[in-house]
Amino acid sequence: MKLLFLLFLEEDEQTVTRMLAELDVTAFSRVLLEGHGGGKPGWYGEISPQRSRMIFTLIPVEKASALMEAVAQASDVRDGSHPIHAIQVDVEAVARSRIPTPRADA
C-alpha cells in the first residue's frame, strides 16, 4: 500500500478529481488549505496566500504508480507557477478498528 498526498490550487480541483476518477480511486479525503509561497506583493505589500487543497488516499502500489504518472503528465493546470504536486509514502502497516456487533437488545 501507498499513501499519496496531492497538493494543488483550488482552481485545479476538477483536474485532480478527474484524474482520480479515471484511475478508479474512489476513497480519499480532501482538506482545504491556505498555501504560502512565491508570488508578487499585492496592495498591502504582502504576498497573498493561495487557496489550496490537499487530497490524500491509501491505495495499492499499481494505482499509486499510475496516479504519480498522471500527475507528472498533467499539463492543464491553471497557473504554471503552481503545479500539482504528488507525494508518495510507503506504508509499513495498516490497522482498522473493529466493526461493532449489533446488540441483541437494540
PDB file of N, CA and C in Angstrom:
ATOM      1  N   MET A   1       0.837  -1.185   0.000  1.00  0.00           N
ATOM      2  CA  MET A   1       0.000   0.000   0.000  1.00  0.00           C
ATOM      3  C   MET A   1       0.882   1.249   0.000  1.00  0.00           C
ATOM      4  N   LYS A   2       0.316   2.292  -0.583  1.00  0.00           N
ATOM      5  CA  LYS A   2       0.994   3.595  -0.643  1.00  0.00           C
ATOM      6  C   LYS A   2       0.035   4.662  -0.134  1.00  0.00           C
ATOM      7  N   LEU A   3       0.586   5.659   0.503  1.00  0.00           N
ATOM      8  CA  LEU A   3      -0.168   6.833   0.908  1.00  0.00           C
ATOM      9  C   LEU A   3       0.249   7.955  -0.022  1.00  0.00           C
ATOM     10  N   LEU A   4      -0.718   8.510  -0.740  1.00  0.00           N
ATOM     11  CA  LEU A   4      -0.421   9.597  -1.670  1.00  0.00           C
ATOM     12  C   LEU A   4      -1.073  10.880  -1.196  1.00  0.00           C
ATOM     13  N   PHE A   5      -0.301  11.957  -1.276  1.00  0.00           N
ATOM     14  CA  PHE A   5      -0.782  13.297  -0.987  1.00  0.00           C
ATOM     15  C   PHE A   5      -0.733  14.079  -2.291  1.00  0.00           C
ATOM     16  N   LEU A   6      -1.808  14.728  -2.633  1.00  0.00           N
ATOM     17  CA  LEU A   6      -1.859  15.597  -3.808  1.00  0.00           C
ATOM     18  C   LEU A   6      -2.102  17.018  -3.309  1.00  0.00           C
ATOM     19  N   LEU A   7      -1.232  17.940  -3.685  1.00  0.00           N
ATOM     20  CA  LEU A   7      -1.346  19.341  -3.301  1.00  0.00           C
ATOM     21  C   LEU A   7      -1.545  20.161  -4.562  1.00  0.00           C
ATOM     22  N   PHE A   8      -2.541  21.066  -4.538  1.00  0.00           N
ATOM     23  CA  PHE A   8      -2.885  21.795  -5.757  1.00  0.00           C
ATOM     24  C   PHE A   8      -3.693  23.035  -5.402  1.00  0.00           C
ATOM     25  N   LEU A   9      -3.764  23.966  -6.340  1.00  0.00           N
ATOM     26  CA  LEU A   9      -4.583  25.152  -6.162  1.00  0.00           C
ATOM     27  C   LEU A   9      -6.059  24.798  -6.323  1.00  0.00           C
ATOM     28  N   GLU A  10      -6.905  25.552  -5.665  1.00  0.00           N
ATOM     29  CA  GLU A  10      -8.347  25.351  -5.745  1.00  0.00           C
ATOM     30  C   GLU A  10      -8.834  25.287  -7.198  1.00  0.00           C
ATOM     31  N   GLU A  11      -8.241  26.098  -8.058  1.00  0.00           N
ATOM     32  CA  GLU A  11      -8.667  26.155  -9.458  1.00  0.00           C
ATOM     33  C   GLU A  11      -8.401  24.859 -10.221  1.00  0.00           C
ATOM     34  N   ASP A  12      -7.546  23.997  -9.701  1.00  0.00           N
ATOM     35  CA  ASP A  12      -7.216  22.741 -10.370  1.00  0.00           C
ATOM     36  C   ASP A  12      -7.946  21.537  -9.773  1.00  0.00           C
ATOM     37  N   GLU A  13      -8.920  21.800  -8.927  1.00  0.00           N
ATOM     38  CA  GLU A  13      -9.623  20.702  -8.266  1.00  0.00           C
ATOM     39  C   GLU A  13     -10.323  19.768  -9.251  1.00  0.00           C
ATOM     40  N   GLN A  14     -10.956  20.303 -10.285  1.00  0.00           N
ATOM     41  CA  GLN A  14     -11.618  19.444 -11.273  1.00  0.00           C
ATOM     42  C   GLN A  14     -10.619  18.549 -11.993  1.00  0.00           C
ATOM     43  N   THR A  15      -9.457  19.079 -12.312  1.00  0.00           N
ATOM     44  CA  THR A  15      -8.423  18.278 -12.973  1.00  0.00           C
ATOM     45  C   THR A  15      -8.004  17.113 -12.089  1.00  0.00           C
ATOM     46  N   VAL A  16      -7.791  17.387 -10.813  1.00  0.00           N
ATOM     47  CA  VAL A  16      -7.341  16.339  -9.890  1.00  0.00           C
ATOM     48  C   VAL A  16      -8.440  15.311  -9.657  1.00  0.00           C
ATOM     49  N   THR A  17      -9.674  15.743  -9.443  1.00  0.00           N
ATOM     50  CA  THR A  17     -10.735  14.765  -9.215  1.00  0.00           C
ATOM     51  C   THR A  17     -11.014  13.942 -10.470  1.00  0.00           C
ATOM     52  N   ARG A  18     -10.814  14.524 -11.654  1.00  0.00           N
ATOM     53  CA  ARG A  18     -10.939  13.751 -12.892  1.00  0.00           C
ATOM     54  C   ARG A  18      -9.858  12.674 -12.962  1.00  0.00           C
ATOM     55  N   MET A  19      -8.627  13.023 -12.585  1.00  0.00           N
ATOM     56  CA  MET A  19      -7.536  12.030 -12.561  1.00  0.00           C
ATOM     57  C   MET A  19      -7.895  10.864 -11.651  1.00  0.00           C
ATOM     58  N   LEU A  20      -8.388  11.191 -10.465  1.00  0.00           N
ATOM     59  CA  LEU A  20      -8.760  10.137  -9.515  1.00  0.00           C
ATOM     60  C   LEU A  20      -9.855   9.254 -10.087  1.00  0.00           C
ATOM     61  N   ALA A  21     -10.861   9.853 -10.702  1.00  0.00           N
ATOM     62  CA  ALA A  21     -11.970   9.081 -11.277  1.00  0.00           C
ATOM     63  C   ALA A  21     -11.483   8.179 -12.409  1.00  0.00           C
ATOM     64  N   GLU A  22     -10.619   8.719 -13.275  1.00  0.00           N
ATOM     65  CA  GLU A  22     -10.111   7.928 -14.401  1.00  0.00           C
ATOM     66  C   GLU A  22      -9.306   6.726 -13.929  1.00  0.00           C
ATOM     67  N   LEU A  23      -8.677   6.828 -12.761  1.00  0.00           N
ATOM     68  CA  LEU A  23      -7.887   5.722 -12.218  1.00  0.00           C
ATOM     69  C   LEU A  23      -8.674   4.892 -11.209  1.00  0.00           C
ATOM     70  N   ASP A  24      -9.988   5.178 -11.105  1.00  0.00           N
ATOM     71  CA  ASP A  24     -10.879   4.458 -10.204  1.00  0.00           C
ATOM     72  C   ASP A  24     -10.410   4.532  -8.747  1.00  0.00           C
ATOM     73  N   VAL A  25      -9.925   5.706  -8.348  1.00  0.00           N
ATOM     74  CA  VAL A  25      -9.595   5.965  -6.948  1.00  0.00           C
ATOM     75  C   VAL A  25     -10.838   6.614  -6.349  1.00  0.00           C
ATOM     76  N   THR A  26     -11.602   5.832  -5.593  1.00  0.00           N
ATOM     77  CA  THR A  26     -12.902   6.300  -5.119  1.00  0.00           C
ATOM     78  C   THR A  26     -12.910   6.688  -3.643  1.00  0.00           C
ATOM     79  N   ALA A  27     -11.899   6.286  -2.902  1.00  0.00           N
ATOM     80  CA  ALA A  27     -11.847   6.619  -1.474  1.00  0.00           C
ATOM     81  C   ALA A  27     -10.664   7.555  -1.240  1.00  0.00           C
ATOM     82  N   PHE A  28     -10.973   8.768  -0.794  1.00  0.00           N
ATOM     83  CA  PHE A  28      -9.928   9.745  -0.494  1.00  0.00           C
ATOM     84  C   PHE A  28     -10.490  10.792   0.442  1.00  0.00           C
ATOM     85  N   SER A  29      -9.618  11.569   1.038  1.00  0.00           N
ATOM     86  CA  SER A  29     -10.020  12.673   1.910  1.00  0.00           C
ATOM     87  C   SER A  29      -9.482  13.964   1.330  1.00  0.00           C
ATOM     88  N   ARG A  30     -10.281  15.024   1.487  1.00  0.00           N
ATOM     89  CA  ARG A  30      -9.916  16.331   0.926  1.00  0.00           C
ATOM     90  C   ARG A  30      -9.829  17.340   2.077  1.00  0.00           C
ATOM     91  N   VAL A  31      -8.791  18.175   2.039  1.00  0.00           N
ATOM     92  CA  VAL A  31      -8.570  19.182   3.066  1.00  0.00           C
ATOM     93  C   VAL A  31      -8.388  20.535   2.385  1.00  0.00           C
ATOM     94  N   LEU A  32      -9.038  21.564   2.927  1.00  0.00           N
ATOM     95  CA  LEU A  32      -8.852  22.920   2.430  1.00  0.00           C
ATOM     96  C   LEU A  32      -7.625  23.508   3.122  1.00  0.00           C
ATOM     97  N   LEU A  33      -6.764  24.172   2.357  1.00  0.00           N
ATOM     98  CA  LEU A  33      -5.517  24.723   2.892  1.00  0.00           C
ATOM     99  C   LEU A  33      -5.345  26.173   2.497  1.00  0.00           C
ATOM    100  N   GLU A  34      -4.509  26.861   3.238  1.00  0.00           N
ATOM    101  CA  GLU A  34      -4.058  28.189   2.862  1.00  0.00           C
ATOM    102  C   GLU A  34      -2.578  28.047   2.548  1.00  0.00           C
ATOM    103  N   GLY A  35      -2.231  28.158   1.270  1.00  0.00           N
ATOM    104  CA  GLY A  35      -0.849  27.963   0.844  1.00  0.00           C
ATOM    105  C   GLY A  35      -0.070  29.273   0.857  1.00  0.00           C
ATOM    106  N   HIS A  36       1.172  29.192   1.284  1.00  0.00           N
ATOM    107  CA  HIS A  36       2.051  30.359   1.300  1.00  0.00           C
ATOM    108  C   HIS A  36       3.298  30.028   0.496  1.00  0.00           C
ATOM    109  N   GLY A  37       3.790  31.014  -0.219  1.00  0.00           N
ATOM    110  CA  GLY A  37       4.977  30.786  -1.024  1.00  0.00           C
ATOM    111  C   GLY A  37       5.203  31.949  -1.962  1.00  0.00           C
ATOM    112  N   GLY A  38       5.861  31.667  -3.055  1.00  0.00           N
ATOM    113  CA  GLY A  38       6.217  32.698  -4.009  1.00  0.00           C
ATOM    114  C   GLY A  38       5.012  33.400  -4.612  1.00  0.00           C
ATOM    115  N   GLY A  39       5.262  34.584  -5.059  1.00  0.00           N
ATOM    116  CA  GLY A  39       4.224  35.380  -5.689  1.00  0.00           C
ATOM    117  C   GLY A  39       4.638  36.840  -5.696  1.00  0.00           C
ATOM    118  N   LYS A  40       3.721  37.683  -6.061  1.00  0.00           N
ATOM    119  CA  LYS A  40       4.010  39.111  -6.099  1.00  0.00           C
ATOM    120  C   LYS A  40       3.203  39.819  -5.023  1.00  0.00           C
ATOM    121  N   PRO A  41       3.826  40.788  -4.344  1.00  0.00           N
ATOM    122  CA  PRO A  41       3.099  41.540  -3.321  1.00  0.00           C
ATOM    123  C   PRO A  41       1.883  42.234  -3.916  1.00  0.00           C
ATOM    124  N   GLY A  42       0.799  42.275  -3.123  1.00  0.00           N
ATOM    125  CA  GLY A  42      -0.429  42.927  -3.554  1.00  0.00           C
ATOM    126  C   GLY A  42      -0.515  44.350  -3.038  1.00  0.00           C
ATOM    127  N   TRP A  43      -1.722  44.847  -2.893  1.00  0.00           N
ATOM    128  CA  TRP A  43      -1.982  46.220  -2.477  1.00  0.00           C
ATOM    129  C   TRP A  43      -1.295  46.587  -1.168  1.00  0.00           C
ATOM    130  N   TYR A  44      -1.256  45.652  -0.239  1.00  0.00           N
ATOM    131  CA  TYR A  44      -0.735  45.957   1.092  1.00  0.00           C
ATOM    132  C   TYR A  44       0.731  45.567   1.260  1.00  0.00           C
ATOM    133  N   GLY A  45       1.395  45.259   0.171  1.00  0.00           N
ATOM    134  CA  GLY A  45       2.815  44.928   0.235  1.00  0.00           C
ATOM    135  C   GLY A  45       3.126  43.518   0.678  1.00  0.00           C
ATOM    136  N   GLU A  46       2.114  42.698   0.835  1.00  0.00           N
ATOM    137  CA  GLU A  46       2.317  41.309   1.248  1.00  0.00           C
ATOM    138  C   GLU A  46       1.929  40.372   0.111  1.00  0.00           C
ATOM    139  N   ILE A  47       2.507  39.192   0.144  1.00  0.00           N
ATOM    140  CA  ILE A  47       2.136  38.167  -0.829  1.00  0.00           C
ATOM    141  C   ILE A  47       0.889  37.465  -0.305  1.00  0.00           C
ATOM    142  N   SER A  48      -0.159  37.499  -1.080  1.00  0.00           N
ATOM    143  CA  SER A  48      -1.422  36.895  -0.656  1.00  0.00           C
ATOM    144  C   SER A  48      -1.298  35.378  -0.614  1.00  0.00           C
ATOM    145  N   PRO A  49      -1.919  34.757   0.381  1.00  0.00           N
ATOM    146  CA  PRO A  49      -1.914  33.290   0.421  1.00  0.00           C
ATOM    147  C   PRO A  49      -2.768  32.726  -0.708  1.00  0.00           C
ATOM    148  N   GLN A  50      -2.476  31.500  -1.080  1.00  0.00           N
ATOM    149  CA  GLN A  50      -3.218  30.805  -2.134  1.00  0.00           C
ATOM    150  C   GLN A  50      -4.283  29.913  -1.503  1.00  0.00           C
ATOM    151  N   ARG A  51      -5.439  29.830  -2.148  1.00  0.00           N
ATOM    152  CA  ARG A  51      -6.454  28.872  -1.721  1.00  0.00           C
ATOM    153  C   ARG A  51      -6.076  27.535  -2.340  1.00  0.00           C
ATOM    154  N   SER A  52      -5.613  26.646  -1.495  1.00  0.00           N
ATOM    155  CA  SER A  52      -5.086  25.363  -1.946  1.00  0.00           C
ATOM    156  C   SER A  52      -5.925  24.220  -1.402  1.00  0.00           C
ATOM    157  N   ARG A  53      -5.658  23.056  -1.921  1.00  0.00           N
ATOM    158  CA  ARG A  53      -6.326  21.831  -1.488  1.00  0.00           C
ATOM    159  C   ARG A  53      -5.279  20.737  -1.313  1.00  0.00           C
ATOM    160  N   MET A  54      -5.629  19.767  -0.484  1.00  0.00           N
ATOM    161  CA  MET A  54      -4.823  18.560  -0.368  1.00  0.00           C
ATOM    162  C   MET A  54      -5.790  17.385  -0.360  1.00  0.00           C
ATOM    163  N   ILE A  55      -5.473  16.402  -1.157  1.00  0.00           N
ATOM    164  CA  ILE A  55      -6.214  15.143  -1.144  1.00  0.00           C
ATOM    165  C   ILE A  55      -5.216  14.072  -0.737  1.00  0.00           C
ATOM    166  N   PHE A  56      -5.641  13.196   0.163  1.00  0.00           N
ATOM    167  CA  PHE A  56      -4.785  12.054   0.464  1.00  0.00           C
ATOM    168  C   PHE A  56      -5.598  10.778   0.371  1.00  0.00           C
ATOM    169  N   THR A  57      -4.903   9.720  -0.035  1.00  0.00           N
ATOM    170  CA  THR A  57      -5.556   8.443  -0.267  1.00  0.00           C
ATOM    171  C   THR A  57      -4.589   7.301  -0.001  1.00  0.00           C
ATOM    172  N   LEU A  58      -5.106   6.210   0.460  1.00  0.00           N
ATOM    173  CA  LEU A  58      -4.345   4.984   0.698  1.00  0.00           C
ATOM    174  C   LEU A  58      -4.744   4.001  -0.397  1.00  0.00           C
ATOM    175  N   ILE A  59      -3.804   3.672  -1.281  1.00  0.00           N
ATOM    176  CA  ILE A  59      -4.139   2.864  -2.460  1.00  0.00           C
ATOM    177  C   ILE A  59      -3.065   1.809  -2.724  1.00  0.00           C
ATOM    178  N   PRO A  60      -3.408   0.791  -3.515  1.00  0.00           N
ATOM    179  CA  PRO A  60      -2.428  -0.236  -3.889  1.00  0.00           C
ATOM    180  C   PRO A  60      -1.274   0.355  -4.712  1.00  0.00           C
ATOM    181  N   VAL A  61      -0.163  -0.327  -4.722  1.00  0.00           N
ATOM    182  CA  VAL A  61       1.054   0.122  -5.404  1.00  0.00           C
ATOM    183  C   VAL A  61       0.793   0.445  -6.876  1.00  0.00           C
ATOM    184  N   GLU A  62       0.029  -0.407  -7.578  1.00  0.00           N
ATOM    185  CA  GLU A  62      -0.201  -0.211  -9.006  1.00  0.00           C
ATOM    186  C   GLU A  62      -0.952   1.103  -9.273  1.00  0.00           C
ATOM    187  N   LYS A  63      -1.982   1.368  -8.482  1.00  0.00           N
ATOM    188  CA  LYS A  63      -2.738   2.614  -8.653  1.00  0.00           C
ATOM    189  C   LYS A  63      -1.879   3.819  -8.278  1.00  0.00           C
ATOM    190  N   ALA A  64      -1.036   3.651  -7.266  1.00  0.00           N
ATOM    191  CA  ALA A  64      -0.160   4.750  -6.854  1.00  0.00           C
ATOM    192  C   ALA A  64       0.794   5.115  -7.980  1.00  0.00           C
ATOM    193  N   SER A  65       1.368   4.124  -8.625  1.00  0.00           N
ATOM    194  CA  SER A  65       2.281   4.388  -9.744  1.00  0.00           C
ATOM    195  C   SER A  65       1.557   5.093 -10.883  1.00  0.00           C
ATOM    196  N   ALA A  66       0.341   4.647 -11.190  1.00  0.00           N
ATOM    197  CA  ALA A  66      -0.435   5.257 -12.265  1.00  0.00           C
ATOM    198  C   ALA A  66      -0.814   6.699 -11.917  1.00  0.00           C
ATOM    199  N   LEU A  67      -1.156   6.951 -10.662  1.00  0.00           N
ATOM    200  CA  LEU A  67      -1.515   8.301 -10.250  1.00  0.00           C
ATOM    201  C   LEU A  67      -0.298   9.229 -10.269  1.00  0.00           C
ATOM    202  N   MET A  68       0.848   8.743  -9.844  1.00  0.00           N
ATOM    203  CA  MET A  68       2.071   9.550  -9.907  1.00  0.00           C
ATOM    204  C   MET A  68       2.388   9.910 -11.356  1.00  0.00           C
ATOM    205  N   GLU A  69       2.209   8.970 -12.261  1.00  0.00           N
ATOM    206  CA  GLU A  69       2.458   9.225 -13.682  1.00  0.00           C
ATOM    207  C   GLU A  69       1.446  10.222 -14.238  1.00  0.00           C
ATOM    208  N   ALA A  70       0.192  10.095 -13.845  1.00  0.00           N
ATOM    209  CA  ALA A  70      -0.842  11.025 -14.316  1.00  0.00           C
ATOM    210  C   ALA A  70      -0.523  12.452 -13.879  1.00  0.00           C
ATOM    211  N   VAL A  71      -0.057  12.614 -12.653  1.00  0.00           N
ATOM    212  CA  VAL A  71       0.317  13.954 -12.181  1.00  0.00           C
ATOM    213  C   VAL A  71       1.509  14.467 -12.971  1.00  0.00           C
ATOM    214  N   ALA A  72       2.501  13.614 -13.190  1.00  0.00           N
ATOM    215  CA  ALA A  72       3.698  14.031 -13.940  1.00  0.00           C
ATOM    216  C   ALA A  72       3.356  14.453 -15.361  1.00  0.00           C
ATOM    217  N   GLN A  73       2.302  13.864 -15.948  1.00  0.00           N
ATOM    218  CA  GLN A  73       1.920  14.181 -17.320  1.00  0.00           C
ATOM    219  C   GLN A  73       0.887  15.306 -17.421  1.00  0.00           C
ATOM    220  N   ALA A  74       0.317  15.708 -16.295  1.00  0.00           N
ATOM    221  CA  ALA A  74      -0.732  16.737 -16.318  1.00  0.00           C
ATOM    222  C   ALA A  74      -0.168  18.067 -16.807  1.00  0.00           C
ATOM    223  N   SER A  75      -0.836  18.648 -17.783  1.00  0.00           N
ATOM    224  CA  SER A  75      -0.376  19.927 -18.326  1.00  0.00           C
ATOM    225  C   SER A  75      -1.488  20.968 -18.338  1.00  0.00           C
ATOM    226  N   ASP A  76      -2.641  20.626 -17.790  1.00  0.00           N
ATOM    227  CA  ASP A  76      -3.765  21.551 -17.842  1.00  0.00           C
ATOM    228  C   ASP A  76      -4.011  22.257 -16.512  1.00  0.00           C
ATOM    229  N   VAL A  77      -2.919  22.651 -15.831  1.00  0.00           N
ATOM    230  CA  VAL A  77      -3.063  23.421 -14.603  1.00  0.00           C
ATOM    231  C   VAL A  77      -3.361  24.879 -14.946  1.00  0.00           C
ATOM    232  N   ARG A  78      -4.092  25.549 -14.081  1.00  0.00           N
ATOM    233  CA  ARG A  78      -4.500  26.933 -14.336  1.00  0.00           C
ATOM    234  C   ARG A  78      -3.347  27.919 -14.232  1.00  0.00           C
ATOM    235  N   ASP A  79      -2.396  27.628 -13.344  1.00  0.00           N
ATOM    236  CA  ASP A  79      -1.270  28.533 -13.117  1.00  0.00           C
ATOM    237  C   ASP A  79       0.017  27.719 -13.171  1.00  0.00           C
ATOM    238  N   GLY A  80       0.782  27.917 -14.236  1.00  0.00           N
ATOM    239  CA  GLY A  80       2.003  27.138 -14.435  1.00  0.00           C
ATOM    240  C   GLY A  80       3.039  27.295 -13.339  1.00  0.00           C
ATOM    241  N   SER A  81       2.964  28.377 -12.559  1.00  0.00           N
ATOM    242  CA  SER A  81       3.920  28.552 -11.465  1.00  0.00           C
ATOM    243  C   SER A  81       3.477  27.824 -10.199  1.00  0.00           C
ATOM    244  N   HIS A  82       2.305  27.189 -10.244  1.00  0.00           N
ATOM    245  CA  HIS A  82       1.795  26.405  -9.119  1.00  0.00           C
ATOM    246  C   HIS A  82       1.311  25.055  -9.635  1.00  0.00           C
ATOM    247  N   PRO A  83       2.227  24.150  -9.956  1.00  0.00           N
ATOM    248  CA  PRO A  83       1.823  22.843 -10.487  1.00  0.00           C
ATOM    249  C   PRO A  83       1.175  21.969  -9.415  1.00  0.00           C
ATOM    250  N   ILE A  84       0.542  20.924  -9.864  1.00  0.00           N
ATOM    251  CA  ILE A  84       0.018  19.900  -8.956  1.00  0.00           C
ATOM    252  C   ILE A  84       1.219  19.116  -8.438  1.00  0.00           C
ATOM    253  N   HIS A  85       1.262  18.893  -7.143  1.00  0.00           N
ATOM    254  CA  HIS A  85       2.339  18.110  -6.538  1.00  0.00           C
ATOM    255  C   HIS A  85       1.766  16.791  -6.025  1.00  0.00           C
ATOM    256  N   ALA A  86       2.510  15.715  -6.202  1.00  0.00           N
ATOM    257  CA  ALA A  86       2.139  14.409  -5.662  1.00  0.00           C
ATOM    258  C   ALA A  86       3.291  13.891  -4.817  1.00  0.00           C
ATOM    259  N   ILE A  87       2.963  13.413  -3.633  1.00  0.00           N
ATOM    260  CA  ILE A  87       3.961  12.868  -2.721  1.00  0.00           C
ATOM    261  C   ILE A  87       3.523  11.461  -2.365  1.00  0.00           C
ATOM    262  N   GLN A  88       4.415  10.509  -2.568  1.00  0.00           N
ATOM    263  CA  GLN A  88       4.100   9.102  -2.301  1.00  0.00           C
ATOM    264  C   GLN A  88       4.907   8.633  -1.099  1.00  0.00           C
ATOM    265  N   VAL A  89       4.222   7.961  -0.163  1.00  0.00           N
ATOM    266  CA  VAL A  89       4.861   7.466   1.047  1.00  0.00           C
ATOM    267  C   VAL A  89       4.587   5.970   1.164  1.00  0.00           C
ATOM    268  N   ASP A  90       5.626   5.197   1.459  1.00  0.00           N
ATOM    269  CA  ASP A  90       5.432   3.769   1.699  1.00  0.00           C
ATOM    270  C   ASP A  90       4.684   3.574   3.010  1.00  0.00           C
ATOM    271  N   VAL A  91       3.779   2.620   3.030  1.00  0.00           N
ATOM    272  CA  VAL A  91       3.010   2.316   4.233  1.00  0.00           C
ATOM    273  C   VAL A  91       3.500   0.985   4.766  1.00  0.00           C
ATOM    274  N   GLU A  92       3.986   1.012   5.983  1.00  0.00           N
ATOM    275  CA  GLU A  92       4.534  -0.195   6.591  1.00  0.00           C
ATOM    276  C   GLU A  92       3.427  -1.134   7.077  1.00  0.00           C
ATOM    277  N   ALA A  93       2.381  -0.566   7.648  1.00  0.00           N
ATOM    278  CA  ALA A  93       1.290  -1.387   8.175  1.00  0.00           C
ATOM    279  C   ALA A  93       0.010  -0.561   8.195  1.00  0.00           C
ATOM    280  N   VAL A  94      -1.112  -1.265   8.157  1.00  0.00           N
ATOM    281  CA  VAL A  94      -2.427  -0.636   8.231  1.00  0.00           C
ATOM    282  C   VAL A  94      -3.266  -1.434   9.226  1.00  0.00           C
ATOM    283  N   ALA A  95      -3.981  -0.739  10.096  1.00  0.00           N
ATOM    284  CA  ALA A  95      -4.899  -1.387  11.027  1.00  0.00           C
ATOM    285  C   ALA A  95      -6.240  -0.673  10.931  1.00  0.00           C
ATOM    286  N   ARG A  96      -7.303  -1.411  11.148  1.00  0.00           N
ATOM    287  CA  ARG A  96      -8.641  -0.831  11.162  1.00  0.00           C
ATOM    288  C   ARG A  96      -9.309  -1.171  12.481  1.00  0.00           C
ATOM    289  N   SER A  97     -10.193  -0.297  12.922  1.00  0.00           N
ATOM    290  CA  SER A  97     -10.949  -0.610  14.131  1.00  0.00           C
ATOM    291  C   SER A  97     -11.932  -1.733  13.822  1.00  0.00           C
ATOM    292  N   ARG A  98     -12.381  -2.382  14.851  1.00  0.00           N
ATOM    293  CA  ARG A  98     -13.343  -3.461  14.670  1.00  0.00           C
ATOM    294  C   ARG A  98     -14.706  -2.886  14.325  1.00  0.00           C
ATOM    295  N   ILE A  99     -15.470  -3.637  13.587  1.00  0.00           N
ATOM    296  CA  ILE A  99     -16.846  -3.259  13.273  1.00  0.00           C
ATOM    297  C   ILE A  99     -17.700  -3.776  14.424  1.00  0.00           C
ATOM    298  N   PRO A 100     -18.446  -2.887  15.076  1.00  0.00           N
ATOM    299  CA  PRO A 100     -19.244  -3.337  16.225  1.00  0.00           C
ATOM    300  C   PRO A 100     -20.280  -4.396  15.843  1.00  0.00           C
ATOM    301  N   THR A 101     -20.483  -5.324  16.719  1.00  0.00           N
ATOM    302  CA  THR A 101     -21.512  -6.336  16.538  1.00  0.00           C
ATOM    303  C   THR A 101     -22.815  -5.767  17.052  1.00  0.00           C
ATOM    304  N   PRO A 102     -23.890  -5.863  16.251  1.00  0.00           N
ATOM    305  CA  PRO A 102     -25.181  -5.328  16.733  1.00  0.00           C
ATOM    306  C   PRO A 102     -25.619  -6.018  18.028  1.00  0.00           C
ATOM    307  N   ARG A 103     -26.099  -5.214  18.967  1.00  0.00           N
ATOM    308  CA  ARG A 103     -26.556  -5.770  20.233  1.00  0.00           C
ATOM    309  C   ARG A 103     -27.943  -6.378  20.050  1.00  0.00           C
ATOM    310  N   ALA A 104     -28.194  -7.472  20.750  1.00  0.00           N
ATOM    311  CA  ALA A 104     -29.474  -8.181  20.645  1.00  0.00           C
ATOM    312  C   ALA A 104     -30.624  -7.347  21.219  1.00  0.00           C
ATOM    313  N   ASP A 105     -30.345  -6.515  22.199  1.00  0.00           N
ATOM    314  CA  ASP A 105     -31.415  -5.731  22.836  1.00  0.00           C
ATOM    315  C   ASP A 105     -31.654  -4.383  22.148  1.00  0.00           C
ATOM    316  N   ALA A 106     -30.966  -4.104  21.046  1.00  0.00           N
ATOM    317  CA  ALA A 106     -31.121  -2.820  20.389  1.00  0.00           C
ATOM    318  C   ALA A 106     -32.288  -2.793  19.441  1.00  0.00           C
TER     319      ALA A 106
END
